Amino acid sequence: MEKGGGAIRLMESLPSRLRPALFHDRDGVINFEKNYDYRIENFEFNAGIFDLCCTNINRNMPIVVAIHQARIG
């Protein structure tokens, strides 16, 4: 595989069912974990999360947010 864009071209040529995706958990990855806090005024994003997401979007990689909190509807 060539350096640079070769991996990206290979990934983009795969059928959508075989393409990788970026999975994030909410607490501790996307945001700082604060004792199961669900209020928006206390939500604080982790540094670099938007850069990571933008990098993967530019690589045409879907982003999935996984949560398991009962209070999130």
N, C-alpha and C. Protein backbone atom coordinates (compact mmCIF):
# COMPACT_ATOMS: atom_id res chain seq x y z
N MET A 1 0.85 -1.18 0.00
CA MET A 1 0.00 0.00 0.00
C MET A 1 0.89 1.23 0.00
N GLU A 2 0.55 2.18 -0.81
CA GLU A 2 1.36 3.39 -0.92
C GLU A 2 1.14 4.32 0.25
N LYS A 3 2.12 5.18 0.50
CA LYS A 3 2.00 6.17 1.57
C LYS A 3 1.00 7.25 1.20
N GLY A 4 0.54 7.94 2.21
CA GLY A 4 -0.35 9.08 1.97
C GLY A 4 -1.78 8.66 1.74
N GLY A 5 -2.32 8.99 0.58
CA GLY A 5 -3.73 8.78 0.31
C GLY A 5 -4.09 7.37 -0.12
N GLY A 6 -3.14 6.48 -0.23
CA GLY A 6 -3.43 5.12 -0.68
C GLY A 6 -4.42 4.40 0.21
N ALA A 7 -4.23 4.50 1.51
CA ALA A 7 -5.15 3.84 2.44
C ALA A 7 -6.54 4.44 2.35
N ILE A 8 -6.61 5.73 2.17
CA ILE A 8 -7.91 6.39 2.06
C ILE A 8 -8.61 5.94 0.78
N ARG A 9 -7.88 5.88 -0.33
CA ARG A 9 -8.48 5.42 -1.59
C ARG A 9 -8.94 3.98 -1.48
N LEU A 10 -8.16 3.14 -0.81
CA LEU A 10 -8.55 1.75 -0.63
C LEU A 10 -9.83 1.67 0.19
N MET A 11 -9.90 2.42 1.28
CA MET A 11 -11.08 2.42 2.14
C MET A 11 -12.30 2.90 1.38
N GLU A 12 -12.16 3.94 0.57
CA GLU A 12 -13.29 4.48 -0.17
C GLU A 12 -13.78 3.54 -1.26
N SER A 13 -12.93 2.63 -1.70
CA SER A 13 -13.33 1.69 -2.75
C SER A 13 -14.08 0.48 -2.19
N LEU A 14 -14.08 0.31 -0.88
CA LEU A 14 -14.78 -0.82 -0.28
C LEU A 14 -16.30 -0.59 -0.29
N PRO A 15 -17.08 -1.67 -0.39
CA PRO A 15 -18.52 -1.51 -0.24
C PRO A 15 -18.84 -0.94 1.14
N SER A 16 -19.93 -0.18 1.26
CA SER A 16 -20.23 0.50 2.51
C SER A 16 -20.35 -0.46 3.69
N ARG A 17 -20.78 -1.68 3.47
CA ARG A 17 -20.93 -2.62 4.58
C ARG A 17 -19.58 -3.11 5.11
N LEU A 18 -18.50 -2.88 4.38
CA LEU A 18 -17.17 -3.32 4.81
C LEU A 18 -16.28 -2.17 5.27
N ARG A 19 -16.79 -0.95 5.18
CA ARG A 19 -15.96 0.20 5.52
C ARG A 19 -15.88 0.39 7.02
N PRO A 20 -14.72 0.81 7.51
CA PRO A 20 -14.58 1.04 8.95
C PRO A 20 -15.36 2.27 9.39
N ALA A 21 -15.69 2.32 10.67
CA ALA A 21 -16.36 3.46 11.27
C ALA A 21 -15.67 3.76 12.59
N LEU A 22 -15.82 4.98 13.05
CA LEU A 22 -15.25 5.40 14.32
C LEU A 22 -16.36 5.38 15.36
N PHE A 23 -16.22 4.56 16.39
CA PHE A 23 -17.21 4.45 17.46
C PHE A 23 -16.67 5.17 18.69
N HIS A 24 -17.51 6.04 19.26
CA HIS A 24 -17.15 6.78 20.48
C HIS A 24 -18.16 6.49 21.57
N ASP A 25 -17.66 6.34 22.78
CA ASP A 25 -18.54 6.33 23.94
C ASP A 25 -18.66 7.77 24.39
N ARG A 26 -19.78 8.13 24.96
CA ARG A 26 -19.98 9.52 25.37
C ARG A 26 -19.08 9.89 26.55
N ASP A 27 -19.34 9.32 27.71
CA ASP A 27 -18.63 9.72 28.93
C ASP A 27 -17.19 9.23 28.92
N GLY A 28 -16.27 10.17 29.03
CA GLY A 28 -14.86 9.86 29.09
C GLY A 28 -14.15 9.92 27.75
N VAL A 29 -14.89 9.90 26.66
CA VAL A 29 -14.28 9.99 25.33
C VAL A 29 -14.68 11.30 24.67
N ILE A 30 -15.98 11.51 24.50
CA ILE A 30 -16.46 12.75 23.90
C ILE A 30 -16.43 13.88 24.92
N ASN A 31 -16.81 13.57 26.13
CA ASN A 31 -16.86 14.59 27.18
C ASN A 31 -16.19 14.09 28.44
N PHE A 32 -15.88 15.01 29.35
CA PHE A 32 -15.36 14.64 30.65
C PHE A 32 -16.47 13.96 31.43
N GLU A 33 -16.15 12.84 32.06
CA GLU A 33 -17.15 12.14 32.85
C GLU A 33 -17.34 12.83 34.19
N LYS A 34 -18.59 13.15 34.50
CA LYS A 34 -18.89 13.89 35.72
C LYS A 34 -20.04 13.22 36.47
N ASN A 35 -19.81 12.05 36.97
CA ASN A 35 -20.79 11.37 37.82
C ASN A 35 -22.19 11.30 37.22
N TYR A 36 -22.28 10.84 36.00
CA TYR A 36 -23.56 10.59 35.35
C TYR A 36 -24.41 11.85 35.23
N ASP A 37 -23.76 12.95 34.94
CA ASP A 37 -24.47 14.22 34.82
C ASP A 37 -25.11 14.31 33.44
N TYR A 38 -26.37 14.69 33.39
CA TYR A 38 -27.10 14.77 32.13
C TYR A 38 -27.49 16.20 31.76
N ARG A 39 -27.17 17.17 32.58
CA ARG A 39 -27.55 18.55 32.31
C ARG A 39 -26.58 19.19 31.32
N ILE A 40 -27.13 19.85 30.31
CA ILE A 40 -26.32 20.45 29.25
C ILE A 40 -25.36 21.51 29.79
N GLU A 41 -25.76 22.23 30.81
CA GLU A 41 -24.88 23.28 31.35
C GLU A 41 -23.63 22.71 32.01
N ASN A 42 -23.61 21.43 32.33
CA ASN A 42 -22.44 20.81 32.93
C ASN A 42 -21.62 19.99 31.93
N PHE A 43 -22.09 19.93 30.70
CA PHE A 43 -21.42 19.12 29.67
C PHE A 43 -20.15 19.83 29.22
N GLU A 44 -19.03 19.12 29.20
CA GLU A 44 -17.74 19.71 28.80
C GLU A 44 -17.02 18.74 27.86
N PHE A 45 -16.80 19.17 26.61
CA PHE A 45 -16.15 18.33 25.61
C PHE A 45 -14.68 18.12 25.94
N ASN A 46 -14.17 16.93 25.64
CA ASN A 46 -12.74 16.65 25.78
C ASN A 46 -11.96 17.38 24.68
N ALA A 47 -10.77 17.81 25.03
CA ALA A 47 -9.91 18.48 24.05
C ALA A 47 -9.59 17.51 22.91
N GLY A 48 -9.67 18.00 21.70
CA GLY A 48 -9.28 17.22 20.54
C GLY A 48 -10.38 16.37 19.93
N ILE A 49 -11.54 16.28 20.57
CA ILE A 49 -12.59 15.42 20.03
C ILE A 49 -13.08 15.91 18.67
N PHE A 50 -13.18 17.23 18.49
CA PHE A 50 -13.65 17.74 17.20
C PHE A 50 -12.60 17.56 16.10
N ASP A 51 -11.32 17.70 16.44
CA ASP A 51 -10.26 17.44 15.46
C ASP A 51 -10.28 15.98 15.03
N LEU A 52 -10.46 15.08 15.99
CA LEU A 52 -10.53 13.65 15.67
C LEU A 52 -11.71 13.36 14.75
N CYS A 53 -12.86 13.91 15.07
CA CYS A 53 -14.04 13.69 14.23
C CYS A 53 -13.85 14.27 12.83
N CYS A 54 -13.30 15.47 12.75
CA CYS A 54 -13.07 16.10 11.43
C CYS A 54 -12.10 15.28 10.59
N THR A 55 -11.06 14.76 11.21
CA THR A 55 -10.10 13.92 10.49
C THR A 55 -10.80 12.71 9.90
N ASN A 56 -11.65 12.08 10.68
CA ASN A 56 -12.34 10.89 10.19
C ASN A 56 -13.42 11.22 9.17
N ILE A 57 -14.08 12.35 9.31
CA ILE A 57 -15.04 12.79 8.30
C ILE A 57 -14.31 13.04 6.97
N ASN A 58 -13.15 13.67 7.03
CA ASN A 58 -12.36 13.92 5.82
C ASN A 58 -11.89 12.62 5.17
N ARG A 59 -11.82 11.55 5.93
CA ARG A 59 -11.47 10.23 5.41
C ARG A 59 -12.71 9.44 5.01
N ASN A 60 -13.86 10.12 5.02
CA ASN A 60 -15.13 9.50 4.65
C ASN A 60 -15.48 8.32 5.56
N MET A 61 -15.13 8.46 6.85
CA MET A 61 -15.39 7.42 7.82
C MET A 61 -16.57 7.84 8.70
N PRO A 62 -17.63 7.04 8.74
CA PRO A 62 -18.78 7.39 9.58
C PRO A 62 -18.38 7.42 11.06
N ILE A 63 -19.09 8.26 11.83
CA ILE A 63 -18.87 8.37 13.26
C ILE A 63 -20.14 7.94 13.97
N VAL A 64 -19.99 7.03 14.93
CA VAL A 64 -21.12 6.51 15.70
C VAL A 64 -20.88 6.84 17.16
N VAL A 65 -21.89 7.41 17.82
CA VAL A 65 -21.81 7.70 19.24
C VAL A 65 -22.61 6.65 19.97
N ALA A 66 -21.93 5.91 20.85
CA ALA A 66 -22.58 4.86 21.64
C ALA A 66 -22.77 5.37 23.06
N ILE A 67 -23.99 5.25 23.55
CA ILE A 67 -24.27 5.65 24.93
C ILE A 67 -25.08 4.53 25.59
N HIS A 68 -24.97 4.47 26.87
CA HIS A 68 -25.72 3.45 27.62
C HIS A 68 -26.33 4.06 28.89
N GLN A 69 -26.54 5.35 28.91
CA GLN A 69 -27.11 6.03 30.05
C GLN A 69 -28.63 5.96 30.00
N ALA A 70 -29.24 5.61 31.10
CA ALA A 70 -30.70 5.46 31.15
C ALA A 70 -31.40 6.80 30.97
N ARG A 71 -30.79 7.89 31.37
CA ARG A 71 -31.44 9.20 31.30
C ARG A 71 -31.38 9.84 29.93
N ILE A 72 -30.59 9.31 29.03
CA ILE A 72 -30.48 9.87 27.68
C ILE A 72 -31.62 9.29 26.85
N GLY A 73 -32.44 10.18 26.28
CA GLY A 73 -33.59 9.69 25.51
C GLY A 73 -33.48 10.04 24.06
